[in-house]
Amino acid sequence: MNLKTTLTLSVLLAFALVLSIQCSNEKNQNTRIEPVTTSILTTALSSLAVNLFQGLLGSLFKPSDYQDTVIFGRAMRIKMCGDACVQITDRGSSITSTGTGATLQEALGDATKKIFDELLKKNLLSLHDLCVLHITFPHPNQALCPGAIINPCDLLHPVLTTPTPCINKLGDSYCNSNVQRCEDHLYQSFMHHNCWKACTNGLCSLNNGPVDPCKV
């Protein structure tokens, strides 16, 4: 193999590696769940799972007893670790959560919330998994969002955007003194690019409409 061939292969391998990393990063971006959404999903999933686990508690009488079940497509094991202590293990990942409380039911709720929080954060239980299982559930805050339903399939393809930095590139003094030009068609483009903070009255958003608290 001559030097030219060796260099060509090296370039091709390097290019392939860059593409692989780029695809991996894009995949991670598309499957990553935002923290606020994770919190809502954890609460909603935990409420459903607690009801499924509840029926197994009657078969647990001592710490050595355990029950295996499948929750949302994942094999799990539940066992008692005290009078008001419950331990749940996700058998596929070996992640274990321990819940405690004043009652056995409180301990179960605590352990369930912890296990699903970990699974969602580590993307071991993804939006794609929940979508394939056709799981929908009521919004956890029904007092504020009566009748609102969360469908993981609707969350699979979020629009990825890069927000405009919330700054005045030309300085606060200049931008604030020329803020009236923000809506002047002759200067609007320039001002929005260089004085975005001043032009939006510090909000850095042109959408001043009310935020829907029931939209995940």
Protein backbone atom coordinates (compact mmCIF):
# COMPACT_ATOMS: atom_id res chain seq x y z
CA MET A 1 0.00 0.00 0.00
CA ASN A 2 1.61 3.27 -1.09
CA LEU A 3 1.60 6.58 0.77
CA LYS A 4 -1.14 8.14 -1.40
CA THR A 5 -3.50 5.22 -0.76
CA THR A 6 -2.75 5.32 2.96
CA LEU A 7 -3.51 9.04 3.17
CA THR A 8 -6.75 8.60 1.20
CA LEU A 9 -7.94 5.83 3.54
CA SER A 10 -7.04 7.95 6.59
CA VAL A 11 -9.08 10.88 5.27
CA LEU A 12 -12.06 8.63 4.52
CA LEU A 13 -11.93 7.04 7.98
CA ALA A 14 -11.72 10.46 9.62
CA PHE A 15 -14.70 11.68 7.58
CA ALA A 16 -16.71 8.59 8.52
CA LEU A 17 -15.90 9.14 12.20
CA VAL A 18 -17.08 12.77 12.06
CA LEU A 19 -20.35 11.71 10.40
CA SER A 20 -20.86 9.01 13.03
CA ILE A 21 -20.34 11.49 15.88
CA GLN A 22 -22.63 14.03 14.22
CA CYS A 23 -25.41 11.48 13.75
CA SER A 24 -24.99 10.33 17.34
CA ASN A 25 -25.25 13.90 18.62
CA GLU A 26 -28.34 14.57 16.49
CA LYS A 27 -29.96 11.37 17.77
CA ASN A 28 -29.24 12.36 21.37
CA GLN A 29 -30.75 15.80 20.77
CA ASN A 30 -33.90 14.34 19.24
CA THR A 31 -34.43 11.79 22.04
CA ARG A 32 -33.47 13.99 24.97
CA ILE A 33 -36.41 14.87 27.19
CA GLU A 34 -36.49 18.37 28.63
CA PRO A 35 -36.30 18.53 32.48
CA VAL A 36 -39.80 20.04 32.81
CA THR A 37 -41.26 17.31 30.60
CA THR A 38 -39.35 14.65 32.57
CA SER A 39 -40.87 15.92 35.80
CA ILE A 40 -44.41 15.82 34.39
CA LEU A 41 -43.89 12.36 32.86
CA THR A 42 -42.42 11.04 36.12
CA THR A 43 -45.45 12.22 38.08
CA ALA A 44 -47.93 10.87 35.54
CA LEU A 45 -46.22 7.49 35.07
CA SER A 46 -45.71 7.04 38.81
CA SER A 47 -49.41 7.52 39.49
CA LEU A 48 -50.29 4.76 37.01
CA ALA A 49 -47.49 2.44 38.14
CA VAL A 50 -48.39 2.73 41.83
CA ASN A 51 -51.81 1.29 41.05
CA LEU A 52 -50.17 -1.59 39.17
CA PHE A 53 -47.70 -2.26 41.99
CA GLN A 54 -50.36 -1.93 44.69
CA GLY A 55 -51.84 -5.35 43.99
CA LEU A 56 -48.46 -7.00 44.55
CA LEU A 57 -47.96 -5.66 48.08
CA GLY A 58 -50.45 -8.16 49.50
CA SER A 59 -48.07 -10.99 48.55
CA LEU A 60 -45.11 -9.47 50.42
CA PHE A 61 -44.88 -10.42 54.08
CA LYS A 62 -41.17 -10.27 54.90
CA PRO A 63 -38.03 -8.65 53.41
CA SER A 64 -37.02 -11.81 51.56
CA ASP A 65 -40.31 -11.88 49.64
CA TYR A 66 -40.46 -10.31 46.21
CA GLN A 67 -42.75 -10.10 43.20
CA ASP A 68 -41.78 -9.74 39.53
CA THR A 69 -43.90 -7.86 37.06
CA VAL A 70 -43.70 -5.88 33.83
CA ILE A 71 -44.49 -2.16 33.96
CA PHE A 72 -44.56 -0.12 30.74
CA GLY A 73 -42.63 -2.83 28.93
CA ARG A 74 -39.87 -3.10 31.55
CA ALA A 75 -39.29 -6.08 33.87
CA MET A 76 -39.33 -4.95 37.49
CA ARG A 77 -39.00 -6.54 40.90
CA ILE A 78 -40.65 -5.16 44.02
CA LYS A 79 -39.80 -6.14 47.59
CA MET A 80 -40.21 -4.82 51.11
CA CYS A 81 -37.21 -3.54 53.04
CA GLY A 82 -39.05 -2.68 56.25
CA ASP A 83 -42.48 -1.92 57.68
CA ALA A 84 -42.73 1.25 55.59
CA CYS A 85 -39.92 0.67 53.12
CA VAL A 86 -40.26 -0.53 49.52
CA GLN A 87 -37.50 -1.39 47.06
CA ILE A 88 -38.05 -1.50 43.28
CA THR A 89 -35.46 -2.81 40.82
CA ASP A 90 -35.52 -2.32 37.07
CA ARG A 91 -34.11 -5.70 36.07
CA GLY A 92 -32.91 -4.62 32.64
CA SER A 93 -30.63 -1.89 33.97
CA SER A 94 -30.25 -3.04 37.61
CA ILE A 95 -31.27 0.44 38.75
CA THR A 96 -32.77 0.17 42.22
CA SER A 97 -34.82 2.71 44.13
CA THR A 98 -35.73 2.63 47.80
CA GLY A 99 -38.79 4.45 49.06
CA THR A 100 -39.79 5.27 52.60
CA GLY A 101 -42.76 6.98 54.22
CA ALA A 102 -45.17 7.05 57.11
CA THR A 103 -47.11 4.18 55.50
CA LEU A 104 -46.37 1.37 53.08
CA GLN A 105 -48.38 3.19 50.42
CA GLU A 106 -46.27 6.34 50.83
CA ALA A 107 -43.10 4.26 50.58
CA LEU A 108 -44.39 2.64 47.40
CA GLY A 109 -45.15 6.04 45.88
CA ASP A 110 -41.70 7.34 46.82
CA ALA A 111 -39.87 4.33 45.33
CA THR A 112 -41.98 4.39 42.17
CA LYS A 113 -41.33 8.08 41.53
CA LYS A 114 -37.59 7.60 42.03
CA ILE A 115 -37.31 4.62 39.66
CA PHE A 116 -39.17 6.32 36.82
CA ASP A 117 -37.28 9.56 37.32
CA GLU A 118 -34.00 7.65 36.84
CA LEU A 119 -35.24 5.67 33.84
CA LEU A 120 -36.45 8.81 32.06
CA LYS A 121 -33.33 10.85 32.84
CA LYS A 122 -31.08 8.08 31.53
CA ASN A 123 -33.33 7.58 28.49
CA LEU A 124 -33.84 3.92 29.40
CA LEU A 125 -37.55 4.58 29.15
CA SER A 126 -37.91 6.91 26.17
CA LEU A 127 -40.74 8.79 24.54
CA HIS A 128 -40.44 6.32 21.66
CA ASP A 129 -40.99 3.39 24.06
CA LEU A 130 -44.08 5.03 25.55
CA CYS A 131 -45.40 5.93 22.10
CA VAL A 132 -45.00 2.35 20.81
CA LEU A 133 -46.87 1.08 23.88
CA HIS A 134 -49.72 3.50 23.03
CA ILE A 135 -49.62 4.89 26.55
CA THR A 136 -51.53 8.09 27.22
CA PHE A 137 -52.30 9.51 30.61
CA PRO A 138 -54.07 12.46 32.22
CA HIS A 139 -52.06 15.58 33.01
CA PRO A 140 -50.94 15.20 36.65
CA ASN A 141 -52.38 18.62 37.55
CA GLN A 142 -56.05 18.04 36.73
CA ALA A 143 -57.09 20.90 39.01
CA LEU A 144 -55.32 23.33 36.66
CA CYS A 145 -55.71 21.29 33.46
CA PRO A 146 -59.01 19.39 33.71
CA GLY A 147 -59.35 16.79 30.97
CA ALA A 148 -55.85 17.42 29.55
CA ILE A 149 -54.25 14.26 28.16
CA ILE A 150 -50.52 13.69 27.59
CA ASN A 151 -49.61 11.60 24.55
CA PRO A 152 -45.86 10.75 24.33
CA CYS A 153 -46.18 10.41 20.55
CA ASP A 154 -46.86 14.15 20.37
CA LEU A 155 -43.56 14.85 22.13
CA LEU A 156 -41.34 12.70 19.92
CA HIS A 157 -40.31 15.38 17.43
CA PRO A 158 -39.75 18.66 19.23
CA VAL A 159 -38.64 21.63 17.17
CA LEU A 160 -35.01 22.32 18.01
CA THR A 161 -34.18 26.02 17.98
CA THR A 162 -31.22 28.12 19.02
CA PRO A 163 -32.50 31.07 21.06
CA THR A 164 -31.24 34.56 20.31
CA PRO A 165 -28.85 35.67 23.10
CA CYS A 166 -30.68 37.96 25.52
CA ILE A 167 -28.20 40.84 25.29
CA ASN A 168 -27.67 44.23 23.74
CA LYS A 169 -24.65 43.67 21.50
CA LEU A 170 -24.00 47.39 21.16
CA GLY A 171 -24.36 48.07 24.86
CA ASP A 172 -27.32 48.95 27.07
CA SER A 173 -26.73 52.69 26.86
CA TYR A 174 -26.82 52.88 23.06
CA CYS A 175 -29.67 50.39 22.64
CA ASN A 176 -31.91 51.89 25.31
CA SER A 177 -31.45 55.39 23.94
CA ASN A 178 -32.39 54.22 20.43
CA VAL A 179 -35.13 51.76 21.37
CA GLN A 180 -37.70 53.75 19.36
CA ARG A 181 -35.96 52.56 16.19
CA CYS A 182 -36.81 48.92 16.90
CA GLU A 183 -40.10 49.23 15.02
CA ASP A 184 -38.81 51.59 12.34
CA HIS A 185 -38.68 49.52 9.15
CA LEU A 186 -35.43 51.25 8.15
CA TYR A 187 -33.64 50.11 11.31
CA GLN A 188 -35.71 47.16 12.54
CA SER A 189 -33.44 44.40 11.24
CA PHE A 190 -30.32 46.14 12.57
CA MET A 191 -31.86 46.89 15.95
CA HIS A 192 -33.30 43.41 16.47
CA HIS A 193 -29.91 41.91 15.69
CA ASN A 194 -27.86 44.26 17.86
CA CYS A 195 -30.31 45.42 20.54
CA TRP A 196 -32.54 42.38 21.02
CA LYS A 197 -32.90 42.86 24.78
CA ALA A 198 -33.90 46.51 24.51
CA CYS A 199 -36.28 45.88 21.59
CA THR A 200 -38.20 43.25 23.57
CA ASN A 201 -38.26 45.24 26.81
CA GLY A 202 -35.97 42.69 28.45
CA LEU A 203 -38.24 39.72 27.64
CA CYS A 204 -36.13 38.55 24.67
CA SER A 205 -39.27 37.21 23.03
CA LEU A 206 -41.77 38.71 20.65
CA ASN A 207 -44.43 36.29 21.85
CA ASN A 208 -46.18 38.15 24.63
CA GLY A 209 -49.20 35.87 24.67
CA PRO A 210 -50.12 33.81 27.74
CA VAL A 211 -48.21 30.57 28.32
CA ASP A 212 -50.35 27.44 28.31
CA PRO A 213 -49.44 25.65 31.58
CA CYS A 214 -51.18 22.47 30.37
CA LYS A 215 -49.01 22.06 27.28
CA VAL A 216 -46.05 19.76 27.90
